[in-house]
PDB file of N, CA and C in Angstrom:
ATOM      1  N   MET A   1      23.827 -18.347 -32.046  1.00  0.00           N
ATOM      2  CA  MET A   1      25.207 -17.911 -32.102  1.00  0.00           C
ATOM      3  C   MET A   1      25.678 -17.553 -30.698  1.00  0.00           C
ATOM      4  N   LYS A   2      26.883 -17.924 -30.391  1.00  0.00           N
ATOM      5  CA  LYS A   2      27.471 -17.596 -29.098  1.00  0.00           C
ATOM      6  C   LYS A   2      27.784 -16.109 -29.015  1.00  0.00           C
ATOM      7  N   ASP A   3      27.881 -15.601 -27.797  1.00  0.00           N
ATOM      8  CA  ASP A   3      28.199 -14.188 -27.639  1.00  0.00           C
ATOM      9  C   ASP A   3      29.701 -13.917 -27.678  1.00  0.00           C
ATOM     10  N   PHE A   4      30.540 -14.994 -27.666  1.00  0.00           N
ATOM     11  CA  PHE A   4      31.993 -14.839 -27.683  1.00  0.00           C
ATOM     12  C   PHE A   4      32.632 -16.122 -28.183  1.00  0.00           C
ATOM     13  N   ILE A   5      33.514 -16.007 -29.194  1.00  0.00           N
ATOM     14  CA  ILE A   5      34.262 -17.171 -29.657  1.00  0.00           C
ATOM     15  C   ILE A   5      35.605 -16.723 -30.227  1.00  0.00           C
ATOM     16  N   VAL A   6      36.679 -17.419 -29.836  1.00  0.00           N
ATOM     17  CA  VAL A   6      37.987 -17.226 -30.449  1.00  0.00           C
ATOM     18  C   VAL A   6      37.980 -18.124 -31.681  1.00  0.00           C
ATOM     19  N   TYR A   7      37.940 -17.534 -32.876  1.00  0.00           N
ATOM     20  CA  TYR A   7      37.811 -18.343 -34.089  1.00  0.00           C
ATOM     21  C   TYR A   7      39.129 -18.564 -34.824  1.00  0.00           C
ATOM     22  N   ALA A   8      40.182 -17.871 -34.428  1.00  0.00           N
ATOM     23  CA  ALA A   8      41.521 -18.111 -34.988  1.00  0.00           C
ATOM     24  C   ALA A   8      42.531 -17.811 -33.898  1.00  0.00           C
ATOM     25  N   ASN A   9      43.550 -18.656 -33.794  1.00  0.00           N
ATOM     26  CA  ASN A   9      44.514 -18.506 -32.715  1.00  0.00           C
ATOM     27  C   ASN A   9      45.906 -18.839 -33.228  1.00  0.00           C
ATOM     28  N   GLY A  10      46.843 -17.897 -33.065  1.00  0.00           N
ATOM     29  CA  GLY A  10      48.224 -18.110 -33.467  1.00  0.00           C
ATOM     30  C   GLY A  10      49.158 -17.816 -32.312  1.00  0.00           C
ATOM     31  N   LEU A  11      50.448 -17.739 -32.614  1.00  0.00           N
ATOM     32  CA  LEU A  11      51.434 -17.498 -31.562  1.00  0.00           C
ATOM     33  C   LEU A  11      51.313 -16.110 -30.956  1.00  0.00           C
ATOM     34  N   VAL A  12      51.105 -15.091 -31.784  1.00  0.00           N
ATOM     35  CA  VAL A  12      51.040 -13.722 -31.260  1.00  0.00           C
ATOM     36  C   VAL A  12      49.775 -12.983 -31.677  1.00  0.00           C
ATOM     37  N   HIS A  13      48.886 -13.627 -32.419  1.00  0.00           N
ATOM     38  CA  HIS A  13      47.621 -13.013 -32.829  1.00  0.00           C
ATOM     39  C   HIS A  13      46.471 -13.986 -32.595  1.00  0.00           C
ATOM     40  N   CYS A  14      45.304 -13.432 -32.352  1.00  0.00           N
ATOM     41  CA  CYS A  14      44.085 -14.233 -32.333  1.00  0.00           C
ATOM     42  C   CYS A  14      42.937 -13.351 -32.801  1.00  0.00           C
ATOM     43  N   SER A  15      41.892 -13.995 -33.306  1.00  0.00           N
ATOM     44  CA  SER A  15      40.707 -13.284 -33.776  1.00  0.00           C
ATOM     45  C   SER A  15      39.496 -13.775 -33.012  1.00  0.00           C
ATOM     46  N   VAL A  16      38.628 -12.833 -32.673  1.00  0.00           N
ATOM     47  CA  VAL A  16      37.456 -13.110 -31.853  1.00  0.00           C
ATOM     48  C   VAL A  16      36.218 -12.577 -32.546  1.00  0.00           C
ATOM     49  N   CYS A  17      35.112 -13.306 -32.423  1.00  0.00           N
ATOM     50  CA  CYS A  17      33.797 -12.843 -32.859  1.00  0.00           C
ATOM     51  C   CYS A  17      32.946 -12.719 -31.603  1.00  0.00           C
ATOM     52  N   SER A  18      32.314 -11.544 -31.427  1.00  0.00           N
ATOM     53  CA  SER A  18      31.552 -11.345 -30.198  1.00  0.00           C
ATOM     54  C   SER A  18      30.465 -10.298 -30.362  1.00  0.00           C
ATOM     55  N   SER A  19      29.425 -10.453 -29.552  1.00  0.00           N
ATOM     56  CA  SER A  19      28.361  -9.465 -29.462  1.00  0.00           C
ATOM     57  C   SER A  19      28.496  -8.633 -28.188  1.00  0.00           C
ATOM     58  N   LEU A  20      29.503  -8.915 -27.387  1.00  0.00           N
ATOM     59  CA  LEU A  20      29.718  -8.221 -26.121  1.00  0.00           C
ATOM     60  C   LEU A  20      30.341  -6.843 -26.339  1.00  0.00           C
ATOM     61  N   PRO A  21      30.234  -5.943 -25.358  1.00  0.00           N
ATOM     62  CA  PRO A  21      30.945  -4.671 -25.435  1.00  0.00           C
ATOM     63  C   PRO A  21      32.458  -4.911 -25.515  1.00  0.00           C
ATOM     64  N   GLU A  22      33.180  -4.001 -26.151  1.00  0.00           N
ATOM     65  CA  GLU A  22      34.612  -4.169 -26.385  1.00  0.00           C
ATOM     66  C   GLU A  22      35.393  -4.467 -25.105  1.00  0.00           C
ATOM     67  N   GLU A  23      35.080  -3.791 -24.013  1.00  0.00           N
ATOM     68  CA  GLU A  23      35.791  -4.019 -22.752  1.00  0.00           C
ATOM     69  C   GLU A  23      35.623  -5.465 -22.280  1.00  0.00           C
ATOM     70  N   ASP A  24      34.430  -6.010 -22.463  1.00  0.00           N
ATOM     71  CA  ASP A  24      34.165  -7.394 -22.069  1.00  0.00           C
ATOM     72  C   ASP A  24      34.878  -8.383 -22.988  1.00  0.00           C
ATOM     73  N   VAL A  25      34.994  -8.043 -24.259  1.00  0.00           N
ATOM     74  CA  VAL A  25      35.708  -8.908 -25.207  1.00  0.00           C
ATOM     75  C   VAL A  25      37.167  -9.017 -24.792  1.00  0.00           C
ATOM     76  N   VAL A  26      37.795  -7.892 -24.454  1.00  0.00           N
ATOM     77  CA  VAL A  26      39.199  -7.893 -24.019  1.00  0.00           C
ATOM     78  C   VAL A  26      39.361  -8.733 -22.756  1.00  0.00           C
ATOM     79  N   LEU A  27      38.480  -8.564 -21.803  1.00  0.00           N
ATOM     80  CA  LEU A  27      38.536  -9.337 -20.565  1.00  0.00           C
ATOM     81  C   LEU A  27      38.371 -10.826 -20.838  1.00  0.00           C
ATOM     82  N   ARG A  28      37.368 -11.179 -21.639  1.00  0.00           N
ATOM     83  CA  ARG A  28      37.081 -12.594 -21.915  1.00  0.00           C
ATOM     84  C   ARG A  28      38.199 -13.279 -22.690  1.00  0.00           C
ATOM     85  N   VAL A  29      38.799 -12.598 -23.674  1.00  0.00           N
ATOM     86  CA  VAL A  29      39.865 -13.243 -24.448  1.00  0.00           C
ATOM     87  C   VAL A  29      41.073 -13.528 -23.561  1.00  0.00           C
ATOM     88  N   ASN A  30      41.337 -12.662 -22.609  1.00  0.00           N
ATOM     89  CA  ASN A  30      42.472 -12.894 -21.718  1.00  0.00           C
ATOM     90  C   ASN A  30      42.204 -13.992 -20.701  1.00  0.00           C
ATOM     91  N   ILE A  31      40.949 -14.234 -20.371  1.00  0.00           N
ATOM     92  CA  ILE A  31      40.588 -15.333 -19.476  1.00  0.00           C
ATOM     93  C   ILE A  31      40.508 -16.651 -20.245  1.00  0.00           C
ATOM     94  N   ALA A  32      39.855 -16.624 -21.395  1.00  0.00           N
ATOM     95  CA  ALA A  32      39.606 -17.846 -22.161  1.00  0.00           C
ATOM     96  C   ALA A  32      40.821 -18.343 -22.930  1.00  0.00           C
ATOM     97  N   ASN A  33      41.749 -17.435 -23.257  1.00  0.00           N
ATOM     98  CA  ASN A  33      42.859 -17.785 -24.132  1.00  0.00           C
ATOM     99  C   ASN A  33      44.151 -17.138 -23.628  1.00  0.00           C
ATOM    100  N   PRO A  34      44.619 -17.515 -22.429  1.00  0.00           N
ATOM    101  CA  PRO A  34      45.802 -16.872 -21.867  1.00  0.00           C
ATOM    102  C   PRO A  34      47.047 -17.120 -22.721  1.00  0.00           C
ATOM    103  N   THR A  35      47.905 -16.098 -22.821  1.00  0.00           N
ATOM    104  CA  THR A  35      49.109 -16.214 -23.649  1.00  0.00           C
ATOM    105  C   THR A  35      50.286 -16.792 -22.880  1.00  0.00           C
ATOM    106  N   GLY A  36      50.307 -16.584 -21.575  1.00  0.00           N
ATOM    107  CA  GLY A  36      51.453 -17.020 -20.787  1.00  0.00           C
ATOM    108  C   GLY A  36      52.602 -16.027 -20.862  1.00  0.00           C
ATOM    109  N   VAL A  37      52.431 -14.958 -21.646  1.00  0.00           N
ATOM    110  CA  VAL A  37      53.481 -13.958 -21.806  1.00  0.00           C
ATOM    111  C   VAL A  37      52.953 -12.590 -21.379  1.00  0.00           C
ATOM    112  N   THR A  38      52.207 -11.949 -22.244  1.00  0.00           N
ATOM    113  CA  THR A  38      51.607 -10.644 -21.960  1.00  0.00           C
ATOM    114  C   THR A  38      50.126 -10.720 -22.285  1.00  0.00           C
ATOM    115  N   PRO A  39      49.325  -9.816 -21.769  1.00  0.00           N
ATOM    116  CA  PRO A  39      47.889  -9.849 -22.064  1.00  0.00           C
ATOM    117  C   PRO A  39      47.599  -9.565 -23.538  1.00  0.00           C
ATOM    118  N   TRP A  40      46.488 -10.101 -24.010  1.00  0.00           N
ATOM    119  CA  TRP A  40      46.006  -9.782 -25.347  1.00  0.00           C
ATOM    120  C   TRP A  40      45.540  -8.336 -25.357  1.00  0.00           C
ATOM    121  N   ARG A  41      45.778  -7.647 -26.470  1.00  0.00           N
ATOM    122  CA  ARG A  41      45.277  -6.290 -26.679  1.00  0.00           C
ATOM    123  C   ARG A  41      44.825  -6.167 -28.125  1.00  0.00           C
ATOM    124  N   ILE A  42      43.876  -5.298 -28.369  1.00  0.00           N
ATOM    125  CA  ILE A  42      43.354  -5.098 -29.714  1.00  0.00           C
ATOM    126  C   ILE A  42      44.411  -4.401 -30.562  1.00  0.00           C
ATOM    127  N   VAL A  43      44.651  -4.947 -31.742  1.00  0.00           N
ATOM    128  CA  VAL A  43      45.623  -4.395 -32.673  1.00  0.00           C
ATOM    129  C   VAL A  43      45.051  -3.129 -33.305  1.00  0.00           C
ATOM    130  N   GLU A  44      45.890  -2.132 -33.522  1.00  0.00           N
ATOM    131  CA  GLU A  44      45.439  -0.887 -34.138  1.00  0.00           C
ATOM    132  C   GLU A  44      45.425  -0.956 -35.659  1.00  0.00           C
ATOM    133  N   GLU A  45      45.945  -2.035 -36.225  1.00  0.00           N
ATOM    134  CA  GLU A  45      45.979  -2.183 -37.684  1.00  0.00           C
ATOM    135  C   GLU A  45      44.754  -2.934 -38.194  1.00  0.00           C
ATOM    136  N   LYS A  46      44.619  -2.966 -39.517  1.00  0.00           N
ATOM    137  CA  LYS A  46      43.490  -3.643 -40.151  1.00  0.00           C
ATOM    138  C   LYS A  46      43.735  -5.149 -40.227  1.00  0.00           C
ATOM    139  N   PHE A  47      42.664  -5.895 -40.488  1.00  0.00           N
ATOM    140  CA  PHE A  47      42.790  -7.319 -40.775  1.00  0.00           C
ATOM    141  C   PHE A  47      43.527  -7.497 -42.096  1.00  0.00           C
ATOM    142  N   LYS A  48      44.048  -8.694 -42.368  1.00  0.00           N
ATOM    143  CA  LYS A  48      44.745  -8.973 -43.627  1.00  0.00           C
ATOM    144  C   LYS A  48      43.871  -8.694 -44.847  1.00  0.00           C
ATOM    145  N   THR A  49      42.571  -8.808 -44.670  1.00  0.00           N
ATOM    146  CA  THR A  49      41.626  -8.584 -45.765  1.00  0.00           C
ATOM    147  C   THR A  49      41.407  -7.104 -46.046  1.00  0.00           C
ATOM    148  N   GLY A  50      41.980  -6.235 -45.212  1.00  0.00           N
ATOM    149  CA  GLY A  50      41.820  -4.802 -45.378  1.00  0.00           C
ATOM    150  C   GLY A  50      40.672  -4.218 -44.579  1.00  0.00           C
ATOM    151  N   GLU A  51      39.913  -5.073 -43.907  1.00  0.00           N
ATOM    152  CA  GLU A  51      38.792  -4.590 -43.096  1.00  0.00           C
ATOM    153  C   GLU A  51      39.318  -3.914 -41.830  1.00  0.00           C
ATOM    154  N   PRO A  52      38.584  -2.908 -41.333  1.00  0.00           N
ATOM    155  CA  PRO A  52      39.016  -2.243 -40.096  1.00  0.00           C
ATOM    156  C   PRO A  52      38.911  -3.189 -38.909  1.00  0.00           C
ATOM    157  N   ASN A  53      39.570  -2.821 -37.832  1.00  0.00           N
ATOM    158  CA  ASN A  53      39.528  -3.613 -36.607  1.00  0.00           C
ATOM    159  C   ASN A  53      38.965  -2.756 -35.493  1.00  0.00           C
ATOM    160  N   PRO A  54      37.809  -3.060 -34.941  1.00  0.00           N
ATOM    161  CA  PRO A  54      36.951  -4.202 -35.263  1.00  0.00           C
ATOM    162  C   PRO A  54      36.125  -3.944 -36.528  1.00  0.00           C
ATOM    163  N   CYS A  55      35.506  -5.025 -37.006  1.00  0.00           N
ATOM    164  CA  CYS A  55      34.629  -4.917 -38.171  1.00  0.00           C
ATOM    165  C   CYS A  55      33.391  -5.781 -37.935  1.00  0.00           C
ATOM    166  N   PRO A  56      32.307  -5.502 -38.648  1.00  0.00           N
ATOM    167  CA  PRO A  56      31.096  -6.316 -38.483  1.00  0.00           C
ATOM    168  C   PRO A  56      31.343  -7.774 -38.885  1.00  0.00           C
ATOM    169  N   CYS A  57      30.729  -8.682 -38.179  1.00  0.00           N
ATOM    170  CA  CYS A  57      30.785 -10.109 -38.497  1.00  0.00           C
ATOM    171  C   CYS A  57      30.100 -10.335 -39.844  1.00  0.00           C
ATOM    172  N   ASP A  58      30.657 -11.216 -40.660  1.00  0.00           N
ATOM    173  CA  ASP A  58      30.058 -11.498 -41.968  1.00  0.00           C
ATOM    174  C   ASP A  58      28.758 -12.290 -41.852  1.00  0.00           C
ATOM    175  N   LYS A  59      28.594 -13.073 -40.805  1.00  0.00           N
ATOM    176  CA  LYS A  59      27.372 -13.868 -40.634  1.00  0.00           C
ATOM    177  C   LYS A  59      26.297 -13.147 -39.816  1.00  0.00           C
ATOM    178  N   TYR A  60      26.721 -12.374 -38.819  1.00  0.00           N
ATOM    179  CA  TYR A  60      25.792 -11.691 -37.919  1.00  0.00           C
ATOM    180  C   TYR A  60      26.178 -10.209 -37.775  1.00  0.00           C
ATOM    181  N   PRO A  61      26.143  -9.451 -38.863  1.00  0.00           N
ATOM    182  CA  PRO A  61      26.636  -8.065 -38.828  1.00  0.00           C
ATOM    183  C   PRO A  61      25.829  -7.123 -37.936  1.00  0.00           C
ATOM    184  N   ASP A  62      24.601  -7.455 -37.649  1.00  0.00           N
ATOM    185  CA  ASP A  62      23.773  -6.584 -36.807  1.00  0.00           C
ATOM    186  C   ASP A  62      24.077  -6.721 -35.319  1.00  0.00           C
ATOM    187  N   THR A  63      24.684  -7.848 -34.929  1.00  0.00           N
ATOM    188  CA  THR A  63      24.896  -8.092 -33.500  1.00  0.00           C
ATOM    189  C   THR A  63      26.344  -8.392 -33.110  1.00  0.00           C
ATOM    190  N   HIS A  64      27.170  -8.843 -34.052  1.00  0.00           N
ATOM    191  CA  HIS A  64      28.520  -9.303 -33.723  1.00  0.00           C
ATOM    192  C   HIS A  64      29.597  -8.525 -34.481  1.00  0.00           C
ATOM    193  N   LYS A  65      30.773  -8.437 -33.847  1.00  0.00           N
ATOM    194  CA  LYS A  65      31.949  -7.827 -34.473  1.00  0.00           C
ATOM    195  C   LYS A  65      33.120  -8.786 -34.384  1.00  0.00           C
ATOM    196  N   HIS A  66      34.054  -8.633 -35.316  1.00  0.00           N
ATOM    197  CA  HIS A  66      35.302  -9.375 -35.285  1.00  0.00           C
ATOM    198  C   HIS A  66      36.400  -8.455 -34.771  1.00  0.00           C
ATOM    199  N   TYR A  67      37.251  -8.996 -33.898  1.00  0.00           N
ATOM    200  CA  TYR A  67      38.348  -8.257 -33.293  1.00  0.00           C
ATOM    201  C   TYR A  67      39.640  -9.013 -33.544  1.00  0.00           C
ATOM    202  N   LEU A  68      40.711  -8.272 -33.858  1.00  0.00           N
ATOM    203  CA  LEU A  68      42.041  -8.843 -34.019  1.00  0.00           C
ATOM    204  C   LEU A  68      42.880  -8.415 -32.828  1.00  0.00           C
ATOM    205  N   PHE A  69      43.499  -9.402 -32.168  1.00  0.00           N
ATOM    206  CA  PHE A  69      44.310  -9.168 -30.985  1.00  0.00           C
ATOM    207  C   PHE A  69      45.757  -9.562 -31.213  1.00  0.00           C
ATOM    208  N   THR A  70      46.654  -8.949 -30.458  1.00  0.00           N
ATOM    209  CA  THR A  70      48.049  -9.361 -30.405  1.00  0.00           C
ATOM    210  C   THR A  70      48.474  -9.399 -28.938  1.00  0.00           C
ATOM    211  N   CYS A  71      49.588 -10.107 -28.684  1.00  0.00           N
ATOM    212  CA  CYS A  71      50.093 -10.151 -27.301  1.00  0.00           C
ATOM    213  C   CYS A  71      51.524  -9.659 -27.252  1.00  0.00           C
TER     214      CYS A  71
END
């Protein structure tokens, strides 16, 4: 499993799965997936499924978390 992947990408939201520290996830998403408008930031709300943000990865819960971002 990769240590960082943008697994969903929309106009103002994206979702990331990563094993990196949160600060590194924020840095990497802004480098790997630039918005052209404002930097990506972690959303303070829950995922659509009701899970907290961040939340454990469903496939690798011991090492990876999912993060929801907005720009």
